[in-house]
Protein backbone atom coordinates (compact mmCIF):
# COMPACT_ATOMS: atom_id res chain seq x y z
CA UNK A 1 -6.39 -77.14 101.66
CA UNK A 2 -4.86 -80.02 99.73
CA UNK A 3 -6.72 -82.28 97.34
CA UNK A 4 -6.81 -85.15 99.92
CA UNK A 5 -8.17 -83.05 102.82
CA UNK A 6 -11.69 -83.89 103.96
CA UNK A 7 -14.43 -81.53 105.09
CA UNK A 8 -14.18 -82.77 108.71
CA UNK A 9 -10.59 -81.53 109.02
CA UNK A 10 -9.02 -84.94 108.38
CA UNK A 11 -7.28 -86.36 105.37
CA UNK A 12 -8.22 -89.19 103.03
CA UNK A 13 -4.59 -90.34 103.24
CA UNK A 14 -5.37 -91.82 106.68
CA UNK A 15 -7.98 -94.20 105.22
CA UNK A 16 -5.69 -97.21 104.90
CA UNK A 17 -6.51 -100.19 102.72
CA UNK A 18 -10.23 -100.63 103.47
CA UNK A 19 -13.24 -98.35 103.17
CA UNK A 20 -16.97 -98.96 102.89
CA UNK A 21 -19.42 -96.23 101.92
CA UNK A 22 -21.99 -95.87 104.72
CA UNK A 23 -25.37 -97.26 103.66
CA UNK A 24 -27.99 -94.70 102.79
CA UNK A 25 -30.65 -97.29 102.04
CA UNK A 26 -33.81 -95.52 103.16
CA UNK A 27 -37.00 -97.35 103.95
CA UNK A 28 -39.25 -97.10 100.92
CA UNK A 29 -42.38 -95.00 101.07
CA UNK A 30 -45.22 -97.37 102.07
CA UNK A 31 -46.86 -99.24 99.20
CA UNK A 32 -49.94 -97.45 97.84
CA UNK A 33 -49.13 -94.01 99.25
CA UNK A 34 -50.19 -90.90 97.31
CA UNK A 35 -47.90 -87.89 97.67
CA UNK A 36 -47.48 -84.44 96.18
CA UNK A 37 -44.37 -84.38 93.98
CA UNK A 38 -42.66 -82.41 91.22
CA UNK A 39 -40.37 -83.48 88.43
CA UNK A 40 -36.84 -82.20 88.97
CA UNK A 41 -35.39 -83.58 85.75
CA UNK A 42 -36.69 -85.31 82.62
CA UNK A 43 -34.30 -86.33 79.87
CA UNK A 44 -33.59 -88.94 77.23
CA UNK A 45 -30.95 -91.58 77.93
CA UNK A 46 -29.54 -94.65 76.21
CA UNK A 47 -29.72 -97.92 78.13
CA UNK A 48 -28.73 -101.25 76.56
CA UNK A 49 -28.59 -99.50 73.15
CA UNK A 50 -32.22 -98.36 73.47
CA UNK A 51 -33.65 -94.90 74.15
CA UNK A 52 -35.53 -94.41 77.43
CA UNK A 53 -37.05 -91.37 79.11
CA UNK A 54 -35.63 -90.89 82.62
CA UNK A 55 -37.56 -88.81 85.14
CA UNK A 56 -36.42 -87.78 88.62
CA UNK A 57 -39.26 -86.84 90.97
CA UNK A 58 -38.91 -84.97 94.27
CA UNK A 59 -41.52 -85.34 96.99
CA UNK A 60 -43.04 -82.02 98.09
CA UNK A 61 -45.48 -83.25 100.77
CA UNK A 62 -45.97 -84.65 103.33
CA UNK A 63 -42.99 -83.33 105.30
CA UNK A 64 -41.84 -86.78 106.47
CA UNK A 65 -40.89 -87.60 102.86
CA UNK A 66 -40.10 -84.09 101.63
CA UNK A 67 -37.20 -83.98 99.17
CA UNK A 68 -37.08 -87.79 98.76
CA UNK A 69 -36.28 -88.75 95.18
CA UNK A 70 -38.02 -91.38 93.06
CA UNK A 71 -36.60 -92.35 89.70
CA UNK A 72 -38.82 -93.40 86.82
CA UNK A 73 -37.94 -94.86 83.42
CA UNK A 74 -40.49 -94.72 80.63
CA UNK A 75 -39.92 -96.79 77.48
CA UNK A 76 -41.95 -94.51 75.21
CA UNK A 77 -39.94 -94.92 71.98
CA UNK A 78 -37.75 -98.04 71.92
CA UNK A 79 -38.59 -101.49 73.26
CA UNK A 80 -37.38 -102.28 76.77
CA UNK A 81 -34.47 -104.70 76.21
CA UNK A 82 -35.71 -106.74 79.19
CA UNK A 83 -39.18 -107.35 77.72
CA UNK A 84 -39.79 -111.05 77.12
CA UNK A 85 -41.34 -110.67 73.67
CA UNK A 86 -42.42 -108.05 71.13
CA UNK A 87 -46.06 -108.07 72.27
CA UNK A 88 -45.10 -107.38 75.90
CA UNK A 89 -42.67 -104.67 74.76
CA UNK A 90 -45.44 -102.98 72.74
CA UNK A 91 -47.85 -103.11 75.69
CA UNK A 92 -45.18 -101.67 77.98
CA UNK A 93 -44.55 -98.85 75.48
CA UNK A 94 -48.30 -98.11 75.32
CA UNK A 95 -48.49 -97.89 79.14
CA UNK A 96 -45.43 -95.64 79.20
CA UNK A 97 -46.94 -93.31 76.58
CA UNK A 98 -50.19 -93.10 78.55
CA UNK A 99 -48.22 -92.33 81.73
CA UNK A 100 -46.28 -89.57 79.92
CA UNK A 101 -49.52 -88.17 78.47
CA UNK A 102 -51.06 -88.04 81.98
CA UNK A 103 -47.92 -86.38 83.37
CA UNK A 104 -48.08 -83.84 80.53
CA UNK A 105 -51.81 -83.20 81.11
CA UNK A 106 -51.12 -82.45 84.78
CA UNK A 107 -48.25 -80.16 83.77
CA UNK A 108 -50.31 -78.08 81.31
CA UNK A 109 -50.58 -80.32 78.23
CA UNK A 110 -47.93 -78.71 76.02
CA UNK A 111 -45.88 -81.81 75.10
CA UNK A 112 -48.72 -83.50 73.22
CA UNK A 113 -48.92 -80.50 70.90
CA UNK A 114 -45.27 -80.73 69.87
CA UNK A 115 -44.85 -84.38 68.81
CA UNK A 116 -41.86 -86.28 70.22
CA UNK A 117 -40.34 -84.16 72.99
CA UNK A 118 -36.70 -83.14 73.21
CA UNK A 119 -34.69 -82.71 76.42
CA UNK A 120 -35.41 -78.99 76.17
CA UNK A 121 -39.18 -79.34 75.77
CA UNK A 122 -39.30 -81.96 78.55
CA UNK A 123 -37.52 -79.58 80.92
CA UNK A 124 -39.56 -76.55 79.88
CA UNK A 125 -42.95 -78.26 80.18
CA UNK A 126 -42.57 -80.80 83.00
CA UNK A 127 -40.01 -79.57 85.53
CA UNK A 128 -41.44 -77.92 88.64
CA UNK A 129 -45.10 -78.78 87.98
CA UNK A 130 -46.77 -80.29 91.10
CA UNK A 131 -48.95 -83.39 90.83
CA UNK A 132 -49.89 -86.34 93.00
CA UNK A 133 -48.05 -89.61 92.43
CA UNK A 134 -48.97 -93.03 93.73
CA UNK A 135 -45.92 -94.92 95.00
CA UNK A 136 -45.61 -98.67 95.08
CA UNK A 137 -42.69 -100.69 96.42
CA UNK A 138 -40.40 -103.24 94.86
CA UNK A 139 -37.92 -105.56 96.54
CA UNK A 140 -35.36 -108.09 95.43
CA UNK A 141 -32.45 -110.05 96.90
CA UNK A 142 -29.23 -108.06 97.20
CA UNK A 143 -26.59 -109.74 95.04
CA UNK A 144 -23.76 -108.18 97.00
CA UNK A 145 -25.09 -109.12 100.46
CA UNK A 146 -26.61 -112.63 100.42
CA UNK A 147 -29.71 -112.91 102.60
CA UNK A 148 -30.33 -109.14 102.46
CA UNK A 149 -33.03 -107.35 100.48
CA UNK A 150 -32.92 -104.08 98.59
CA UNK A 151 -36.12 -102.09 98.23
CA UNK A 152 -37.33 -98.99 96.51
CA UNK A 153 -40.33 -97.23 95.06
CA UNK A 154 -41.85 -96.99 91.61
CA UNK A 155 -44.62 -94.74 90.36
CA UNK A 156 -47.87 -96.54 89.58
CA UNK A 157 -50.09 -93.51 88.88
CA UNK A 158 -50.16 -89.74 88.52
CA UNK A 159 -53.02 -87.33 89.14
CA UNK A 160 -53.72 -83.62 89.53
CA UNK A 161 -52.20 -81.75 92.47
CA UNK A 162 -55.71 -81.37 93.90
CA UNK A 163 -56.08 -85.14 94.30
CA UNK A 164 -56.09 -86.32 97.97
CA UNK A 165 -52.80 -87.41 99.47
CA UNK A 166 -52.32 -90.19 101.99
CA UNK A 167 -49.61 -92.34 103.48
CA UNK A 168 -50.50 -96.01 103.46
CA UNK A 169 -49.80 -98.19 106.47
CA UNK A 170 -46.37 -99.77 106.17
CA UNK A 171 -46.51 -103.52 105.67
CA UNK A 172 -44.02 -105.87 107.33
CA UNK A 173 -41.10 -106.84 105.16
CA UNK A 174 -41.25 -110.23 103.53
CA UNK A 175 -38.11 -112.31 103.14
CA UNK A 176 -37.06 -112.66 99.50
CA UNK A 177 -37.45 -115.99 97.85
CA UNK A 178 -35.23 -116.89 94.95
CA UNK A 179 -34.29 -120.16 93.31
CA UNK A 180 -30.97 -121.73 94.20
CA UNK A 181 -28.03 -119.88 92.73
CA UNK A 182 -29.38 -116.43 93.59
CA UNK A 183 -31.27 -115.95 90.37
CA UNK A 184 -34.82 -115.75 89.16
CA UNK A 185 -35.62 -118.60 86.80
CA UNK A 186 -31.96 -119.21 86.05
CA UNK A 187 -31.37 -115.63 84.89
CA UNK A 188 -30.46 -112.79 87.22
CA UNK A 189 -31.88 -109.42 86.26
CA UNK A 190 -29.41 -106.61 86.75
CA UNK A 191 -31.64 -104.10 88.53
CA UNK A 192 -30.29 -100.79 89.71
CA UNK A 193 -31.91 -98.84 92.48
CA UNK A 194 -33.15 -96.21 90.04
CA UNK A 195 -34.65 -98.72 87.59
CA UNK A 196 -38.37 -98.54 87.12
CA UNK A 197 -39.60 -102.01 87.92
CA UNK A 198 -43.04 -102.93 86.62
CA UNK A 199 -43.38 -101.21 83.27
């Protein structure tokens, strides 16, 4: 098998001059749904020269969303570079610390005993521990496809694994509204699909 061979028995050399990755944009989990999930990965990262805690969740139940991933960013140490002022950044950090403390409490409560966690202590104490998460949705205009919307989920709450689960009724999609020029208030926010939106 040569480097350019593909798994379907073809070759990438036959691609030509144009190729578009097939869209894998899944419908978000309905707003307000509570699902059983586990953390697959928790680690520190640097974004815009600031430290942020990145968490990747995997849905365990119900089966219709099993193995779906939801990405969460918690600004527990540094200020979010996108915060409008120092007061809002401090409030966002406080919410993020409370969220991490609740996640830790549902995972056995070992992080709070150790001070600021490392990648190793995050993995040891949080990965694979089931808990219920409440998913909310976000949407925004797609910069690359005018008139289209991109959507995703963010985590609004965590609770013990014994907490009831439910799938909320899906709401109809609303068309995005943005000021002329494709920006919000004259400034376009560079969201990525895995960005945590509200806090």
